[in-house]
């Protein structure tokens, strides 16, 4: 994070996302967790990687291509790991994905398309306890379509970090996203070409994205 404040920020390490970490979605999936092929609820955090091609610095549009006509809006908070292996800052992010049925093991093509991680201009320094009750507002074309409360996490941030640390080591520069919440029907808010999506939370740099279609 030793960048000029005028230079849009990008992660310097690996970005990990977390699945099924909001209570509403966990409860919706719970009746099916004992079914094939998993046969039980996950006992550890379920993670995935957002590859570097997904990183979209502040000010960039999202271009929908290859027949994709709409995307799920995944408003989330990313925890940045510092040189001391502790969380040193956090950033609002939009973890875009192509709508799909399963959140257990979604194919890479749904989550890791070019530009599918919208970033703020700069992260915000602090500690996890500072953000325990954070609420993220999601707006599409100026209309609020979702409010994401971090008090609804299945694993609160300290517990998520501890549980991830049981099976892997987060390195300096890595980012761990806490997860994205769904709506009451189990879907996420969606956006199409021509829409503008904004996410905001007190004390954080907002994220603003204009969606366009393939030229």
Protein backbone atom coordinates (compact mmCIF):
# COMPACT_ATOMS: atom_id res chain seq x y z
CA UNK A 1 0.00 0.00 0.00
CA UNK A 2 2.98 2.31 -0.49
CA UNK A 3 1.33 3.93 -3.49
CA UNK A 4 0.47 7.52 -4.21
CA UNK A 5 -3.10 8.33 -3.23
CA UNK A 6 -3.63 9.32 -6.88
CA UNK A 7 -2.74 5.83 -8.13
CA UNK A 8 -5.64 3.37 -8.12
CA UNK A 9 -4.94 0.47 -5.80
CA UNK A 10 -4.64 -3.17 -6.79
CA UNK A 11 -3.92 -6.22 -4.61
CA UNK A 12 -0.29 -7.27 -4.56
CA UNK A 13 -0.96 -10.86 -3.53
CA UNK A 14 -3.64 -13.52 -3.95
CA UNK A 15 -7.31 -12.64 -3.47
CA UNK A 16 -9.47 -15.30 -1.84
CA UNK A 17 -13.26 -15.32 -1.72
CA UNK A 18 -15.39 -17.10 0.88
CA UNK A 19 -18.57 -19.01 0.11
CA UNK A 20 -21.60 -19.59 2.35
CA UNK A 21 -20.49 -17.12 5.00
CA UNK A 22 -23.75 -15.23 5.44
CA UNK A 23 -26.46 -16.67 7.64
CA UNK A 24 -29.32 -16.27 5.15
CA UNK A 25 -27.60 -18.26 2.41
CA UNK A 26 -26.30 -20.86 4.86
CA UNK A 27 -29.82 -21.44 6.14
CA UNK A 28 -31.19 -21.73 2.60
CA UNK A 29 -28.57 -24.31 1.70
CA UNK A 30 -28.66 -26.24 5.00
CA UNK A 31 -31.38 -28.76 3.98
CA UNK A 32 -29.27 -29.77 0.95
CA UNK A 33 -25.89 -29.98 2.66
CA UNK A 34 -26.38 -33.62 3.64
CA UNK A 35 -27.11 -34.65 0.05
CA UNK A 36 -24.68 -35.94 -2.57
CA UNK A 37 -21.92 -35.25 -3.30
CA UNK A 38 -20.95 -33.53 -0.03
CA UNK A 39 -23.09 -35.44 2.51
CA UNK A 40 -22.43 -32.92 5.28
CA UNK A 41 -22.16 -29.23 5.97
CA UNK A 42 -18.68 -27.78 5.36
CA UNK A 43 -16.61 -27.81 8.53
CA UNK A 44 -14.03 -25.28 7.32
CA UNK A 45 -14.36 -22.08 5.28
CA UNK A 46 -15.01 -22.76 1.60
CA UNK A 47 -12.61 -20.59 -0.40
CA UNK A 48 -11.94 -19.77 -4.04
CA UNK A 49 -9.37 -17.58 -5.81
CA UNK A 50 -10.04 -14.43 -7.83
CA UNK A 51 -7.26 -14.50 -10.40
CA UNK A 52 -5.26 -11.39 -11.31
CA UNK A 53 -7.11 -10.92 -14.62
CA UNK A 54 -10.24 -10.11 -12.60
CA UNK A 55 -8.68 -7.06 -10.90
CA UNK A 56 -10.45 -3.90 -12.10
CA UNK A 57 -8.99 -0.70 -10.58
CA UNK A 58 -11.22 2.21 -9.64
CA UNK A 59 -12.66 4.06 -12.61
CA UNK A 60 -12.79 1.13 -15.03
CA UNK A 61 -16.03 -0.05 -16.64
CA UNK A 62 -17.08 -3.69 -16.75
CA UNK A 63 -17.55 -5.00 -20.28
CA UNK A 64 -19.87 -8.01 -20.57
CA UNK A 65 -18.64 -10.38 -23.27
CA UNK A 66 -18.99 -13.92 -24.66
CA UNK A 67 -22.76 -14.02 -24.45
CA UNK A 68 -22.97 -12.90 -20.80
CA UNK A 69 -26.01 -10.61 -20.51
CA UNK A 70 -26.16 -10.10 -16.72
CA UNK A 71 -24.00 -10.54 -13.64
CA UNK A 72 -24.56 -11.06 -9.94
CA UNK A 73 -23.51 -8.14 -7.75
CA UNK A 74 -21.39 -9.47 -4.89
CA UNK A 75 -20.76 -6.59 -2.49
CA UNK A 76 -18.09 -7.59 0.01
CA UNK A 77 -15.29 -6.44 2.29
CA UNK A 78 -11.75 -7.57 1.54
CA UNK A 79 -9.31 -7.91 4.44
CA UNK A 80 -5.73 -6.97 3.51
CA UNK A 81 -2.88 -8.89 5.10
CA UNK A 82 0.09 -6.79 6.20
CA UNK A 83 3.78 -7.54 6.65
CA UNK A 84 3.16 -8.84 10.17
CA UNK A 85 0.68 -11.45 8.85
CA UNK A 86 -2.17 -9.52 10.50
CA UNK A 87 -4.99 -7.55 8.89
CA UNK A 88 -3.68 -4.05 8.21
CA UNK A 89 -6.52 -2.57 6.14
CA UNK A 90 -9.74 -3.41 4.33
CA UNK A 91 -11.46 -2.43 1.09
CA UNK A 92 -14.95 -2.56 -0.35
CA UNK A 93 -15.09 -4.75 -3.47
CA UNK A 94 -17.62 -6.00 -5.98
CA UNK A 95 -17.09 -9.72 -6.56
CA UNK A 96 -18.95 -10.12 -9.84
CA UNK A 97 -20.05 -13.55 -11.03
CA UNK A 98 -22.11 -15.03 -13.84
CA UNK A 99 -25.39 -16.29 -12.29
CA UNK A 100 -25.14 -20.00 -11.53
CA UNK A 101 -26.91 -22.59 -9.40
CA UNK A 102 -24.22 -23.96 -7.06
CA UNK A 103 -22.12 -22.00 -4.59
CA UNK A 104 -20.17 -25.06 -3.44
CA UNK A 105 -17.72 -25.37 -6.32
CA UNK A 106 -18.59 -22.83 -9.02
CA UNK A 107 -16.57 -23.23 -12.24
CA UNK A 108 -13.80 -20.71 -12.72
CA UNK A 109 -15.52 -19.37 -15.85
CA UNK A 110 -18.34 -17.98 -13.68
CA UNK A 111 -16.11 -16.03 -11.27
CA UNK A 112 -12.78 -15.32 -12.95
CA UNK A 113 -13.60 -13.44 -16.13
CA UNK A 114 -11.66 -10.32 -17.02
CA UNK A 115 -12.58 -7.38 -14.79
CA UNK A 116 -14.72 -9.43 -12.40
CA UNK A 117 -13.35 -7.83 -9.21
CA UNK A 118 -14.14 -4.12 -8.91
CA UNK A 119 -11.80 -2.25 -6.57
CA UNK A 120 -11.84 1.10 -4.75
CA UNK A 121 -9.25 3.81 -5.30
CA UNK A 122 -7.60 3.03 -1.96
CA UNK A 123 -8.13 0.68 1.01
CA UNK A 124 -8.88 1.87 4.53
CA UNK A 125 -6.46 1.18 7.36
CA UNK A 126 -7.78 -0.34 10.57
CA UNK A 127 -8.42 -3.55 12.47
CA UNK A 128 -11.14 -6.16 12.14
CA UNK A 129 -12.89 -5.02 15.32
CA UNK A 130 -13.41 -1.64 13.67
CA UNK A 131 -15.66 -3.18 11.03
CA UNK A 132 -17.68 -5.76 12.97
CA UNK A 133 -20.97 -3.91 12.51
CA UNK A 134 -20.25 -2.45 9.06
CA UNK A 135 -23.16 -2.18 6.66
CA UNK A 136 -22.60 -2.02 2.90
CA UNK A 137 -25.21 -0.32 0.74
CA UNK A 138 -25.66 -1.55 -2.83
CA UNK A 139 -27.30 0.70 -5.42
CA UNK A 140 -28.16 0.01 -9.05
CA UNK A 141 -28.92 3.08 -11.15
CA UNK A 142 -29.32 5.05 -7.92
CA UNK A 143 -31.84 2.68 -6.34
CA UNK A 144 -30.85 0.71 -3.26
CA UNK A 145 -31.16 -2.99 -4.06
CA UNK A 146 -29.38 -4.54 -1.06
CA UNK A 147 -27.96 -3.78 2.36
CA UNK A 148 -25.20 -6.16 3.49
CA UNK A 149 -24.66 -6.31 7.27
CA UNK A 150 -21.44 -7.91 8.52
CA UNK A 151 -23.26 -8.77 11.74
CA UNK A 152 -24.92 -11.52 9.65
CA UNK A 153 -21.68 -13.40 8.96
CA UNK A 154 -21.63 -17.10 9.85
CA UNK A 155 -17.98 -16.75 10.77
CA UNK A 156 -17.26 -13.27 12.08
CA UNK A 157 -14.01 -11.83 10.76
CA UNK A 158 -11.72 -12.93 13.64
CA UNK A 159 -13.16 -16.46 13.47
CA UNK A 160 -12.90 -16.58 9.68
CA UNK A 161 -9.23 -15.59 9.82
CA UNK A 162 -8.53 -18.13 12.55
CA UNK A 163 -10.30 -20.94 10.71
CA UNK A 164 -8.54 -20.19 7.43
CA UNK A 165 -5.26 -20.16 9.34
CA UNK A 166 -5.90 -23.76 10.39
CA UNK A 167 -5.21 -25.03 6.87
CA UNK A 168 -3.31 -22.29 5.00
CA UNK A 169 -1.09 -19.27 5.62
CA UNK A 170 -2.12 -15.88 4.29
CA UNK A 171 0.88 -13.94 3.02
CA UNK A 172 1.61 -10.20 3.10
CA UNK A 173 -0.35 -8.58 0.27
CA UNK A 174 -3.06 -11.26 0.18
CA UNK A 175 -6.73 -10.32 0.48
CA UNK A 176 -9.44 -12.42 2.13
CA UNK A 177 -12.97 -11.42 1.16
CA UNK A 178 -15.51 -12.16 3.89
CA UNK A 179 -18.21 -13.37 1.48
CA UNK A 180 -21.27 -12.00 -0.30
CA UNK A 181 -24.86 -12.10 0.92
CA UNK A 182 -27.93 -13.15 -1.03
CA UNK A 183 -31.46 -11.78 -1.13
CA UNK A 184 -34.40 -13.45 0.59
CA UNK A 185 -35.03 -15.75 -2.40
CA UNK A 186 -31.42 -16.95 -2.52
CA UNK A 187 -30.40 -14.89 -5.55
CA UNK A 188 -28.15 -11.85 -5.65
CA UNK A 189 -28.95 -8.46 -7.12
CA UNK A 190 -28.15 -8.48 -10.83
CA UNK A 191 -26.93 -5.91 -13.31
CA UNK A 192 -26.98 -5.68 -17.09
CA UNK A 193 -25.22 -3.64 -19.73
CA UNK A 194 -26.15 0.03 -19.27
CA UNK A 195 -26.52 -0.24 -15.50
CA UNK A 196 -24.40 1.65 -12.98
CA UNK A 197 -23.60 -0.10 -9.71
CA UNK A 198 -22.35 1.68 -6.59
CA UNK A 199 -21.42 0.21 -3.21
CA UNK A 200 -20.63 2.30 -0.15
CA UNK A 201 -20.02 2.01 3.59
CA UNK A 202 -19.08 4.58 6.24
CA UNK A 203 -15.37 5.32 6.35
CA UNK A 204 -14.53 3.49 3.12
CA UNK A 205 -13.77 4.54 -0.43
CA UNK A 206 -16.83 3.67 -2.50
CA UNK A 207 -16.82 1.50 -5.62
CA UNK A 208 -18.59 2.76 -8.78
CA UNK A 209 -18.88 0.69 -11.96
CA UNK A 210 -20.61 1.32 -15.27
CA UNK A 211 -21.52 -1.85 -17.17
CA UNK A 212 -21.24 -2.08 -20.92
CA UNK A 213 -21.70 -4.78 -23.54
CA UNK A 214 -19.25 -6.13 -26.08
CA UNK A 215 -18.45 -3.70 -28.89
